[in-house]
Amino acid sequence: MSDKKLIVVVGATGNQGGSVARRFLKDTRFNVRGLTRDPLSTASKVLAEQGVEIVKADLHDVESLKSAFKGANVIFSVTQYCTYLSSKFPNSCFPYFTATGVLEQ
């Protein structure tokens, strides 16, 4: 059993997720598991060659996420939550700053 912590990176093949995955590969205290929709993509293969454990997961499939997150000490996730929220709660994700800098919805 490894003494290393496990970070799971959602969207590991994207810009932000990929950056986080590569950063944690440099930290010998962590193993990195990268979640992706397409484990056969070029970006997935490159990360796997660098030492990332690539796992196929779907954010709309809870069971795939339970499996993908198993054993995680840290989860990094950046998602398009407004796509979902705006369909359920109109105007919930579109605050704006007025000329005075006060946040309004």
PDB file of N, CA and C in Angstrom:
ATOM      1  N   MET A   1       0.838  -1.183   0.000  1.00  0.00           N
ATOM      2  CA  MET A   1       0.000   0.000   0.000  1.00  0.00           C
ATOM      3  C   MET A   1       0.881   1.243   0.000  1.00  0.00           C
ATOM      4  N   SER A   2       0.520   2.199  -0.822  1.00  0.00           N
ATOM      5  CA  SER A   2       1.290   3.420  -0.976  1.00  0.00           C
ATOM      6  C   SER A   2       0.948   4.422   0.121  1.00  0.00           C
ATOM      7  N   ASP A   3       1.969   5.142   0.577  1.00  0.00           N
ATOM      8  CA  ASP A   3       1.741   6.219   1.537  1.00  0.00           C
ATOM      9  C   ASP A   3       1.359   7.509   0.833  1.00  0.00           C
ATOM     10  N   LYS A   4       1.352   7.479  -0.479  1.00  0.00           N
ATOM     11  CA  LYS A   4       1.022   8.682  -1.248  1.00  0.00           C
ATOM     12  C   LYS A   4      -0.466   8.995  -1.158  1.00  0.00           C
ATOM     13  N   LYS A   5      -0.773  10.271  -1.221  1.00  0.00           N
ATOM     14  CA  LYS A   5      -2.152  10.733  -1.303  1.00  0.00           C
ATOM     15  C   LYS A   5      -2.591  10.654  -2.761  1.00  0.00           C
ATOM     16  N   LEU A   6      -3.892  10.581  -2.975  1.00  0.00           N
ATOM     17  CA  LEU A   6      -4.442  10.515  -4.331  1.00  0.00           C
ATOM     18  C   LEU A   6      -5.227  11.775  -4.640  1.00  0.00           C
ATOM     19  N   ILE A   7      -4.827  12.470  -5.707  1.00  0.00           N
ATOM     20  CA  ILE A   7      -5.614  13.585  -6.220  1.00  0.00           C
ATOM     21  C   ILE A   7      -6.307  13.116  -7.485  1.00  0.00           C
ATOM     22  N   VAL A   8      -7.600  13.378  -7.564  1.00  0.00           N
ATOM     23  CA  VAL A   8      -8.384  13.070  -8.753  1.00  0.00           C
ATOM     24  C   VAL A   8      -8.691  14.392  -9.441  1.00  0.00           C
ATOM     25  N   VAL A   9      -8.351  14.468 -10.720  1.00  0.00           N
ATOM     26  CA  VAL A   9      -8.522  15.703 -11.479  1.00  0.00           C
ATOM     27  C   VAL A   9      -9.613  15.502 -12.521  1.00  0.00           C
ATOM     28  N   VAL A  10     -10.729  16.197 -12.338  1.00  0.00           N
ATOM     29  CA  VAL A  10     -11.817  16.161 -13.318  1.00  0.00           C
ATOM     30  C   VAL A  10     -11.398  17.024 -14.506  1.00  0.00           C
ATOM     31  N   GLY A  11     -11.568  16.492 -15.711  1.00  0.00           N
ATOM     32  CA  GLY A  11     -11.189  17.245 -16.909  1.00  0.00           C
ATOM     33  C   GLY A  11      -9.686  17.369 -17.059  1.00  0.00           C
ATOM     34  N   ALA A  12      -8.985  16.296 -16.787  1.00  0.00           N
ATOM     35  CA  ALA A  12      -7.518  16.322 -16.795  1.00  0.00           C
ATOM     36  C   ALA A  12      -6.925  16.665 -18.156  1.00  0.00           C
ATOM     37  N   THR A  13      -7.677  16.476 -19.222  1.00  0.00           N
ATOM     38  CA  THR A  13      -7.142  16.779 -20.556  1.00  0.00           C
ATOM     39  C   THR A  13      -7.396  18.222 -20.980  1.00  0.00           C
ATOM     40  N   GLY A  14      -8.105  18.975 -20.160  1.00  0.00           N
ATOM     41  CA  GLY A  14      -8.353  20.388 -20.463  1.00  0.00           C
ATOM     42  C   GLY A  14      -7.213  21.269 -19.971  1.00  0.00           C
ATOM     43  N   ASN A  15      -7.337  22.565 -20.219  1.00  0.00           N
ATOM     44  CA  ASN A  15      -6.276  23.499 -19.831  1.00  0.00           C
ATOM     45  C   ASN A  15      -6.055  23.541 -18.324  1.00  0.00           C
ATOM     46  N   GLN A  16      -7.101  23.800 -17.555  1.00  0.00           N
ATOM     47  CA  GLN A  16      -6.932  23.912 -16.113  1.00  0.00           C
ATOM     48  C   GLN A  16      -6.654  22.563 -15.466  1.00  0.00           C
ATOM     49  N   GLY A  17      -7.448  21.565 -15.827  1.00  0.00           N
ATOM     50  CA  GLY A  17      -7.235  20.238 -15.253  1.00  0.00           C
ATOM     51  C   GLY A  17      -5.870  19.676 -15.607  1.00  0.00           C
ATOM     52  N   GLY A  18      -5.452  19.877 -16.849  1.00  0.00           N
ATOM     53  CA  GLY A  18      -4.136  19.398 -17.281  1.00  0.00           C
ATOM     54  C   GLY A  18      -3.016  20.067 -16.520  1.00  0.00           C
ATOM     55  N   SER A  19      -3.164  21.351 -16.267  1.00  0.00           N
ATOM     56  CA  SER A  19      -2.164  22.088 -15.505  1.00  0.00           C
ATOM     57  C   SER A  19      -2.056  21.552 -14.084  1.00  0.00           C
ATOM     58  N   VAL A  20      -3.194  21.296 -13.468  1.00  0.00           N
ATOM     59  CA  VAL A  20      -3.207  20.752 -12.106  1.00  0.00           C
ATOM     60  C   VAL A  20      -2.595  19.352 -12.085  1.00  0.00           C
ATOM     61  N   ALA A  21      -2.972  18.513 -13.046  1.00  0.00           N
ATOM     62  CA  ALA A  21      -2.422  17.150 -13.110  1.00  0.00           C
ATOM     63  C   ALA A  21      -0.905  17.184 -13.248  1.00  0.00           C
ATOM     64  N   ARG A  22      -0.404  18.010 -14.160  1.00  0.00           N
ATOM     65  CA  ARG A  22       1.051  18.090 -14.361  1.00  0.00           C
ATOM     66  C   ARG A  22       1.766  18.634 -13.127  1.00  0.00           C
ATOM     67  N   ARG A  23       1.146  19.574 -12.447  1.00  0.00           N
ATOM     68  CA  ARG A  23       1.748  20.114 -11.219  1.00  0.00           C
ATOM     69  C   ARG A  23       1.875  19.037 -10.149  1.00  0.00           C
ATOM     70  N   PHE A  24       0.820  18.252  -9.961  1.00  0.00           N
ATOM     71  CA  PHE A  24       0.856  17.227  -8.921  1.00  0.00           C
ATOM     72  C   PHE A  24       1.717  16.032  -9.292  1.00  0.00           C
ATOM     73  N   LEU A  25       1.977  15.824 -10.563  1.00  0.00           N
ATOM     74  CA  LEU A  25       2.925  14.778 -10.956  1.00  0.00           C
ATOM     75  C   LEU A  25       4.323  15.084 -10.418  1.00  0.00           C
ATOM     76  N   LYS A  26       4.621  16.357 -10.243  1.00  0.00           N
ATOM     77  CA  LYS A  26       5.933  16.773  -9.740  1.00  0.00           C
ATOM     78  C   LYS A  26       6.058  16.622  -8.226  1.00  0.00           C
ATOM     79  N   ASP A  27       4.939  16.405  -7.555  1.00  0.00           N
ATOM     80  CA  ASP A  27       4.920  16.283  -6.096  1.00  0.00           C
ATOM     81  C   ASP A  27       4.927  14.811  -5.724  1.00  0.00           C
ATOM     82  N   THR A  28       6.017  14.335  -5.168  1.00  0.00           N
ATOM     83  CA  THR A  28       6.173  12.903  -4.884  1.00  0.00           C
ATOM     84  C   THR A  28       5.237  12.401  -3.786  1.00  0.00           C
ATOM     85  N   ARG A  29       4.506  13.299  -3.164  1.00  0.00           N
ATOM     86  CA  ARG A  29       3.553  12.874  -2.127  1.00  0.00           C
ATOM     87  C   ARG A  29       2.218  12.429  -2.710  1.00  0.00           C
ATOM     88  N   PHE A  30       2.037  12.619  -4.041  1.00  0.00           N
ATOM     89  CA  PHE A  30       0.736  12.354  -4.659  1.00  0.00           C
ATOM     90  C   PHE A  30       0.815  11.403  -5.839  1.00  0.00           C
ATOM     91  N   ASN A  31      -0.219  10.585  -5.960  1.00  0.00           N
ATOM     92  CA  ASN A  31      -0.533   9.885  -7.203  1.00  0.00           C
ATOM     93  C   ASN A  31      -1.636  10.704  -7.859  1.00  0.00           C
ATOM     94  N   VAL A  32      -1.661  10.710  -9.187  1.00  0.00           N
ATOM     95  CA  VAL A  32      -2.630  11.519  -9.915  1.00  0.00           C
ATOM     96  C   VAL A  32      -3.530  10.621 -10.753  1.00  0.00           C
ATOM     97  N   ARG A  33      -4.836  10.797 -10.565  1.00  0.00           N
ATOM     98  CA  ARG A  33      -5.831  10.110 -11.393  1.00  0.00           C
ATOM     99  C   ARG A  33      -6.557  11.190 -12.198  1.00  0.00           C
ATOM    100  N   GLY A  34      -6.538  11.063 -13.507  1.00  0.00           N
ATOM    101  CA  GLY A  34      -7.182  12.042 -14.368  1.00  0.00           C
ATOM    102  C   GLY A  34      -8.468  11.491 -14.959  1.00  0.00           C
ATOM    103  N   LEU A  35      -9.546  12.227 -14.807  1.00  0.00           N
ATOM    104  CA  LEU A  35     -10.833  11.812 -15.371  1.00  0.00           C
ATOM    105  C   LEU A  35     -11.030  12.486 -16.717  1.00  0.00           C
ATOM    106  N   THR A  36     -11.550  11.712 -17.644  1.00  0.00           N
ATOM    107  CA  THR A  36     -11.782  12.228 -18.988  1.00  0.00           C
ATOM    108  C   THR A  36     -12.947  11.485 -19.615  1.00  0.00           C
ATOM    109  N   ARG A  37     -13.565  12.129 -20.595  1.00  0.00           N
ATOM    110  CA  ARG A  37     -14.633  11.453 -21.350  1.00  0.00           C
ATOM    111  C   ARG A  37     -14.040  10.478 -22.358  1.00  0.00           C
ATOM    112  N   ASP A  38     -12.805  10.751 -22.790  1.00  0.00           N
ATOM    113  CA  ASP A  38     -12.202   9.937 -23.845  1.00  0.00           C
ATOM    114  C   ASP A  38     -10.783   9.509 -23.469  1.00  0.00           C
ATOM    115  N   PRO A  39     -10.650   8.354 -22.842  1.00  0.00           N
ATOM    116  CA  PRO A  39      -9.319   7.896 -22.431  1.00  0.00           C
ATOM    117  C   PRO A  39      -8.410   7.513 -23.605  1.00  0.00           C
ATOM    118  N   LEU A  40      -8.949   7.465 -24.813  1.00  0.00           N
ATOM    119  CA  LEU A  40      -8.137   7.125 -25.990  1.00  0.00           C
ATOM    120  C   LEU A  40      -7.664   8.364 -26.751  1.00  0.00           C
ATOM    121  N   SER A  41      -8.023   9.554 -26.253  1.00  0.00           N
ATOM    122  CA  SER A  41      -7.599  10.780 -26.932  1.00  0.00           C
ATOM    123  C   SER A  41      -6.087  10.954 -26.818  1.00  0.00           C
ATOM    124  N   THR A  42      -5.544  11.761 -27.704  1.00  0.00           N
ATOM    125  CA  THR A  42      -4.113  12.041 -27.680  1.00  0.00           C
ATOM    126  C   THR A  42      -3.703  12.642 -26.338  1.00  0.00           C
ATOM    127  N   ALA A  43      -4.484  13.610 -25.851  1.00  0.00           N
ATOM    128  CA  ALA A  43      -4.164  14.259 -24.574  1.00  0.00           C
ATOM    129  C   ALA A  43      -4.172  13.252 -23.422  1.00  0.00           C
ATOM    130  N   SER A  44      -5.119  12.317 -23.437  1.00  0.00           N
ATOM    131  CA  SER A  44      -5.175  11.285 -22.402  1.00  0.00           C
ATOM    132  C   SER A  44      -3.941  10.394 -22.458  1.00  0.00           C
ATOM    133  N   LYS A  45      -3.556  10.030 -23.657  1.00  0.00           N
ATOM    134  CA  LYS A  45      -2.385   9.163 -23.824  1.00  0.00           C
ATOM    135  C   LYS A  45      -1.108   9.849 -23.362  1.00  0.00           C
ATOM    136  N   VAL A  46      -0.988  11.138 -23.649  1.00  0.00           N
ATOM    137  CA  VAL A  46       0.198  11.895 -23.217  1.00  0.00           C
ATOM    138  C   VAL A  46       0.265  11.929 -21.688  1.00  0.00           C
ATOM    139  N   LEU A  47      -0.861  12.209 -21.044  1.00  0.00           N
ATOM    140  CA  LEU A  47      -0.882  12.240 -19.583  1.00  0.00           C
ATOM    141  C   LEU A  47      -0.556  10.870 -18.998  1.00  0.00           C
ATOM    142  N   ALA A  48      -1.089   9.825 -19.604  1.00  0.00           N
ATOM    143  CA  ALA A  48      -0.802   8.470 -19.128  1.00  0.00           C
ATOM    144  C   ALA A  48       0.692   8.165 -19.229  1.00  0.00           C
ATOM    145  N   GLU A  49       1.312   8.590 -20.323  1.00  0.00           N
ATOM    146  CA  GLU A  49       2.755   8.382 -20.491  1.00  0.00           C
ATOM    147  C   GLU A  49       3.556   9.139 -19.428  1.00  0.00           C
ATOM    148  N   GLN A  50       3.008  10.241 -18.944  1.00  0.00           N
ATOM    149  CA  GLN A  50       3.685  11.035 -17.919  1.00  0.00           C
ATOM    150  C   GLN A  50       3.454  10.482 -16.514  1.00  0.00           C
ATOM    151  N   GLY A  51       2.531   9.535 -16.380  1.00  0.00           N
ATOM    152  CA  GLY A  51       2.298   8.905 -15.082  1.00  0.00           C
ATOM    153  C   GLY A  51       0.928   9.103 -14.478  1.00  0.00           C
ATOM    154  N   VAL A  52       0.022   9.741 -15.213  1.00  0.00           N
ATOM    155  CA  VAL A  52      -1.347   9.937 -14.717  1.00  0.00           C
ATOM    156  C   VAL A  52      -2.151   8.666 -14.964  1.00  0.00           C
ATOM    157  N   GLU A  53      -2.889   8.233 -13.958  1.00  0.00           N
ATOM    158  CA  GLU A  53      -3.830   7.127 -14.124  1.00  0.00           C
ATOM    159  C   GLU A  53      -5.068   7.710 -14.791  1.00  0.00           C
ATOM    160  N   ILE A  54      -5.334   7.332 -16.024  1.00  0.00           N
ATOM    161  CA  ILE A  54      -6.465   7.869 -16.781  1.00  0.00           C
ATOM    162  C   ILE A  54      -7.694   6.989 -16.569  1.00  0.00           C
ATOM    163  N   VAL A  55      -8.815   7.636 -16.220  1.00  0.00           N
ATOM    164  CA  VAL A  55     -10.068   6.929 -15.964  1.00  0.00           C
ATOM    165  C   VAL A  55     -11.178   7.614 -16.745  1.00  0.00           C
ATOM    166  N   LYS A  56     -11.976   6.815 -17.438  1.00  0.00           N
ATOM    167  CA  LYS A  56     -13.137   7.353 -18.142  1.00  0.00           C
ATOM    168  C   LYS A  56     -14.245   7.609 -17.126  1.00  0.00           C
ATOM    169  N   ALA A  57     -14.819   8.821 -17.178  1.00  0.00           N
ATOM    170  CA  ALA A  57     -15.911   9.172 -16.270  1.00  0.00           C
ATOM    171  C   ALA A  57     -16.831  10.155 -16.969  1.00  0.00           C
ATOM    172  N   ASP A  58     -18.082  10.122 -16.553  1.00  0.00           N
ATOM    173  CA  ASP A  58     -19.109  10.995 -17.118  1.00  0.00           C
ATOM    174  C   ASP A  58     -19.761  11.757 -15.966  1.00  0.00           C
ATOM    175  N   LEU A  59     -19.732  13.068 -16.007  1.00  0.00           N
ATOM    176  CA  LEU A  59     -20.291  13.872 -14.923  1.00  0.00           C
ATOM    177  C   LEU A  59     -21.799  13.696 -14.771  1.00  0.00           C
ATOM    178  N   HIS A  60     -22.447  13.096 -15.757  1.00  0.00           N
ATOM    179  CA  HIS A  60     -23.883  12.830 -15.679  1.00  0.00           C
ATOM    180  C   HIS A  60     -24.174  11.410 -15.198  1.00  0.00           C
ATOM    181  N   ASP A  61     -23.126  10.649 -14.871  1.00  0.00           N
ATOM    182  CA  ASP A  61     -23.264   9.261 -14.437  1.00  0.00           C
ATOM    183  C   ASP A  61     -22.662   9.123 -13.037  1.00  0.00           C
ATOM    184  N   VAL A  62     -23.522   9.162 -12.029  1.00  0.00           N
ATOM    185  CA  VAL A  62     -23.078   9.147 -10.643  1.00  0.00           C
ATOM    186  C   VAL A  62     -22.233   7.903 -10.337  1.00  0.00           C
ATOM    187  N   GLU A  63     -22.627   6.763 -10.855  1.00  0.00           N
ATOM    188  CA  GLU A  63     -21.886   5.539 -10.566  1.00  0.00           C
ATOM    189  C   GLU A  63     -20.458   5.605 -11.119  1.00  0.00           C
ATOM    190  N   SER A  64     -20.272   6.200 -12.291  1.00  0.00           N
ATOM    191  CA  SER A  64     -18.918   6.327 -12.831  1.00  0.00           C
ATOM    192  C   SER A  64     -18.076   7.249 -11.953  1.00  0.00           C
ATOM    193  N   LEU A  65     -18.710   8.257 -11.353  1.00  0.00           N
ATOM    194  CA  LEU A  65     -17.987   9.179 -10.479  1.00  0.00           C
ATOM    195  C   LEU A  65     -17.638   8.530  -9.145  1.00  0.00           C
ATOM    196  N   LYS A  66     -18.547   7.742  -8.607  1.00  0.00           N
ATOM    197  CA  LYS A  66     -18.252   7.042  -7.348  1.00  0.00           C
ATOM    198  C   LYS A  66     -17.008   6.180  -7.515  1.00  0.00           C
ATOM    199  N   SER A  67     -16.951   5.457  -8.604  1.00  0.00           N
ATOM    200  CA  SER A  67     -15.801   4.607  -8.884  1.00  0.00           C
ATOM    201  C   SER A  67     -14.536   5.437  -9.113  1.00  0.00           C
ATOM    202  N   ALA A  68     -14.671   6.503  -9.882  1.00  0.00           N
ATOM    203  CA  ALA A  68     -13.513   7.339 -10.221  1.00  0.00           C
ATOM    204  C   ALA A  68     -12.951   8.061  -8.996  1.00  0.00           C
ATOM    205  N   PHE A  69     -13.802   8.434  -8.051  1.00  0.00           N
ATOM    206  CA  PHE A  69     -13.367   9.175  -6.866  1.00  0.00           C
ATOM    207  C   PHE A  69     -12.935   8.268  -5.716  1.00  0.00           C
ATOM    208  N   LYS A  70     -13.108   6.965  -5.867  1.00  0.00           N
ATOM    209  CA  LYS A  70     -12.791   6.037  -4.779  1.00  0.00           C
ATOM    210  C   LYS A  70     -11.327   6.192  -4.353  1.00  0.00           C
ATOM    211  N   GLY A  71     -11.134   6.372  -3.077  1.00  0.00           N
ATOM    212  CA  GLY A  71      -9.791   6.478  -2.521  1.00  0.00           C
ATOM    213  C   GLY A  71      -9.173   7.866  -2.605  1.00  0.00           C
ATOM    214  N   ALA A  72      -9.909   8.832  -3.148  1.00  0.00           N
ATOM    215  CA  ALA A  72      -9.350  10.176  -3.330  1.00  0.00           C
ATOM    216  C   ALA A  72      -9.180  10.899  -1.998  1.00  0.00           C
ATOM    217  N   ASN A  73      -8.056  11.580  -1.877  1.00  0.00           N
ATOM    218  CA  ASN A  73      -7.825  12.486  -0.758  1.00  0.00           C
ATOM    219  C   ASN A  73      -8.157  13.916  -1.161  1.00  0.00           C
ATOM    220  N   VAL A  74      -7.999  14.204  -2.467  1.00  0.00           N
ATOM    221  CA  VAL A  74      -8.251  15.533  -3.009  1.00  0.00           C
ATOM    222  C   VAL A  74      -8.969  15.365  -4.341  1.00  0.00           C
ATOM    223  N   ILE A  75      -9.961  16.210  -4.601  1.00  0.00           N
ATOM    224  CA  ILE A  75     -10.625  16.231  -5.901  1.00  0.00           C
ATOM    225  C   ILE A  75     -10.553  17.650  -6.442  1.00  0.00           C
ATOM    226  N   PHE A  76     -10.028  17.795  -7.662  1.00  0.00           N
ATOM    227  CA  PHE A  76     -10.015  19.087  -8.334  1.00  0.00           C
ATOM    228  C   PHE A  76     -11.022  19.035  -9.459  1.00  0.00           C
ATOM    229  N   SER A  77     -11.915  20.041  -9.490  1.00  0.00           N
ATOM    230  CA  SER A  77     -12.941  20.044 -10.523  1.00  0.00           C
ATOM    231  C   SER A  77     -13.309  21.464 -10.913  1.00  0.00           C
ATOM    232  N   VAL A  78     -13.279  21.731 -12.188  1.00  0.00           N
ATOM    233  CA  VAL A  78     -13.811  22.964 -12.749  1.00  0.00           C
ATOM    234  C   VAL A  78     -14.838  22.518 -13.778  1.00  0.00           C
ATOM    235  N   THR A  79     -16.088  22.905 -13.569  1.00  0.00           N
ATOM    236  CA  THR A  79     -17.145  22.463 -14.476  1.00  0.00           C
ATOM    237  C   THR A  79     -17.969  23.646 -14.950  1.00  0.00           C
ATOM    238  N   GLN A  80     -18.768  23.426 -15.950  1.00  0.00           N
ATOM    239  CA  GLN A  80     -19.680  24.428 -16.490  1.00  0.00           C
ATOM    240  C   GLN A  80     -21.010  24.324 -15.748  1.00  0.00           C
ATOM    241  N   TYR A  81     -20.992  24.659 -14.456  1.00  0.00           N
ATOM    242  CA  TYR A  81     -22.192  24.497 -13.646  1.00  0.00           C
ATOM    243  C   TYR A  81     -23.346  25.383 -14.103  1.00  0.00           C
ATOM    244  N   CYS A  82     -23.057  26.502 -14.721  1.00  0.00           N
ATOM    245  CA  CYS A  82     -24.140  27.395 -15.146  1.00  0.00           C
ATOM    246  C   CYS A  82     -25.007  26.773 -16.230  1.00  0.00           C
ATOM    247  N   THR A  83     -24.447  25.890 -17.026  1.00  0.00           N
ATOM    248  CA  THR A  83     -25.238  25.221 -18.047  1.00  0.00           C
ATOM    249  C   THR A  83     -26.395  24.477 -17.397  1.00  0.00           C
ATOM    250  N   TYR A  84     -26.105  23.784 -16.304  1.00  0.00           N
ATOM    251  CA  TYR A  84     -27.145  23.055 -15.586  1.00  0.00           C
ATOM    252  C   TYR A  84     -28.040  24.001 -14.798  1.00  0.00           C
ATOM    253  N   LEU A  85     -27.434  24.884 -14.005  1.00  0.00           N
ATOM    254  CA  LEU A  85     -28.223  25.755 -13.142  1.00  0.00           C
ATOM    255  C   LEU A  85     -29.172  26.660 -13.903  1.00  0.00           C
ATOM    256  N   SER A  86     -28.712  27.210 -15.022  1.00  0.00           N
ATOM    257  CA  SER A  86     -29.567  28.150 -15.747  1.00  0.00           C
ATOM    258  C   SER A  86     -30.800  27.469 -16.331  1.00  0.00           C
ATOM    259  N   SER A  87     -30.710  26.156 -16.584  1.00  0.00           N
ATOM    260  CA  SER A  87     -31.897  25.447 -17.078  1.00  0.00           C
ATOM    261  C   SER A  87     -32.898  25.206 -15.949  1.00  0.00           C
ATOM    262  N   LYS A  88     -32.416  25.135 -14.715  1.00  0.00           N
ATOM    263  CA  LYS A  88     -33.289  24.891 -13.560  1.00  0.00           C
ATOM    264  C   LYS A  88     -33.727  26.184 -12.872  1.00  0.00           C
ATOM    265  N   PHE A  89     -32.814  27.155 -12.845  1.00  0.00           N
ATOM    266  CA  PHE A  89     -33.060  28.408 -12.139  1.00  0.00           C
ATOM    267  C   PHE A  89     -32.646  29.571 -13.029  1.00  0.00           C
ATOM    268  N   PRO A  90     -33.547  30.039 -13.878  1.00  0.00           N
ATOM    269  CA  PRO A  90     -33.194  31.140 -14.790  1.00  0.00           C
ATOM    270  C   PRO A  90     -32.595  32.324 -14.044  1.00  0.00           C
ATOM    271  N   ASN A  91     -31.601  32.925 -14.637  1.00  0.00           N
ATOM    272  CA  ASN A  91     -30.900  34.097 -14.110  1.00  0.00           C
ATOM    273  C   ASN A  91     -30.025  33.816 -12.895  1.00  0.00           C
ATOM    274  N   SER A  92     -29.849  32.550 -12.507  1.00  0.00           N
ATOM    275  CA  SER A  92     -29.061  32.255 -11.313  1.00  0.00           C
ATOM    276  C   SER A  92     -27.565  32.432 -11.538  1.00  0.00           C
ATOM    277  N   CYS A  93     -27.120  32.357 -12.766  1.00  0.00           N
ATOM    278  CA  CYS A  93     -25.685  32.409 -13.032  1.00  0.00           C
ATOM    279  C   CYS A  93     -25.255  33.642 -13.796  1.00  0.00           C
ATOM    280  N   PHE A  94     -26.055  34.654 -13.787  1.00  0.00           N
ATOM    281  CA  PHE A  94     -25.721  35.818 -14.595  1.00  0.00           C
ATOM    282  C   PHE A  94     -25.728  37.118 -13.787  1.00  0.00           C
ATOM    283  N   PRO A  95     -24.993  37.102 -12.660  1.00  0.00           N
ATOM    284  CA  PRO A  95     -24.885  38.369 -11.928  1.00  0.00           C
ATOM    285  C   PRO A  95     -24.009  39.335 -12.715  1.00  0.00           C
ATOM    286  N   TYR A  96     -24.134  40.606 -12.427  1.00  0.00           N
ATOM    287  CA  TYR A  96     -23.282  41.570 -13.113  1.00  0.00           C
ATOM    288  C   TYR A  96     -22.961  42.726 -12.170  1.00  0.00           C
ATOM    289  N   PHE A  97     -21.882  43.405 -12.473  1.00  0.00           N
ATOM    290  CA  PHE A  97     -21.470  44.565 -11.677  1.00  0.00           C
ATOM    291  C   PHE A  97     -22.065  45.820 -12.307  1.00  0.00           C
ATOM    292  N   THR A  98     -22.608  46.652 -11.449  1.00  0.00           N
ATOM    293  CA  THR A  98     -23.113  47.945 -11.929  1.00  0.00           C
ATOM    294  C   THR A  98     -21.937  48.916 -12.005  1.00  0.00           C
ATOM    295  N   ALA A  99     -22.203  50.087 -12.465  1.00  0.00           N
ATOM    296  CA  ALA A  99     -21.155  51.107 -12.564  1.00  0.00           C
ATOM    297  C   ALA A  99     -20.557  51.411 -11.203  1.00  0.00           C
ATOM    298  N   THR A 100     -21.306  51.167 -10.120  1.00  0.00           N
ATOM    299  CA  THR A 100     -20.793  51.431  -8.770  1.00  0.00           C
ATOM    300  C   THR A 100     -20.041  50.238  -8.215  1.00  0.00           C
ATOM    301  N   GLY A 101     -20.040  49.117  -8.925  1.00  0.00           N
ATOM    302  CA  GLY A 101     -19.318  47.948  -8.463  1.00  0.00           C
ATOM    303  C   GLY A 101     -20.121  47.055  -7.533  1.00  0.00           C
ATOM    304  N   VAL A 102     -21.407  47.306  -7.408  1.00  0.00           N
ATOM    305  CA  VAL A 102     -22.254  46.498  -6.538  1.00  0.00           C
ATOM    306  C   VAL A 102     -22.757  45.291  -7.331  1.00  0.00           C
ATOM    307  N   LEU A 103     -22.608  44.123  -6.767  1.00  0.00           N
ATOM    308  CA  LEU A 103     -23.057  42.914  -7.449  1.00  0.00           C
ATOM    309  C   LEU A 103     -24.575  42.821  -7.393  1.00  0.00           C
ATOM    310  N   GLU A 104     -25.181  42.631  -8.563  1.00  0.00           N
ATOM    311  CA  GLU A 104     -26.631  42.501  -8.642  1.00  0.00           C
ATOM    312  C   GLU A 104     -26.990  41.260  -9.451  1.00  0.00           C
ATOM    313  N   GLN A 105     -28.213  40.792  -9.257  1.00  0.00           N
ATOM    314  CA  GLN A 105     -28.719  39.694 -10.085  1.00  0.00           C
ATOM    315  C   GLN A 105     -29.977  40.132 -10.752  1.00  0.00           C
TER     316      GLN A 105
END
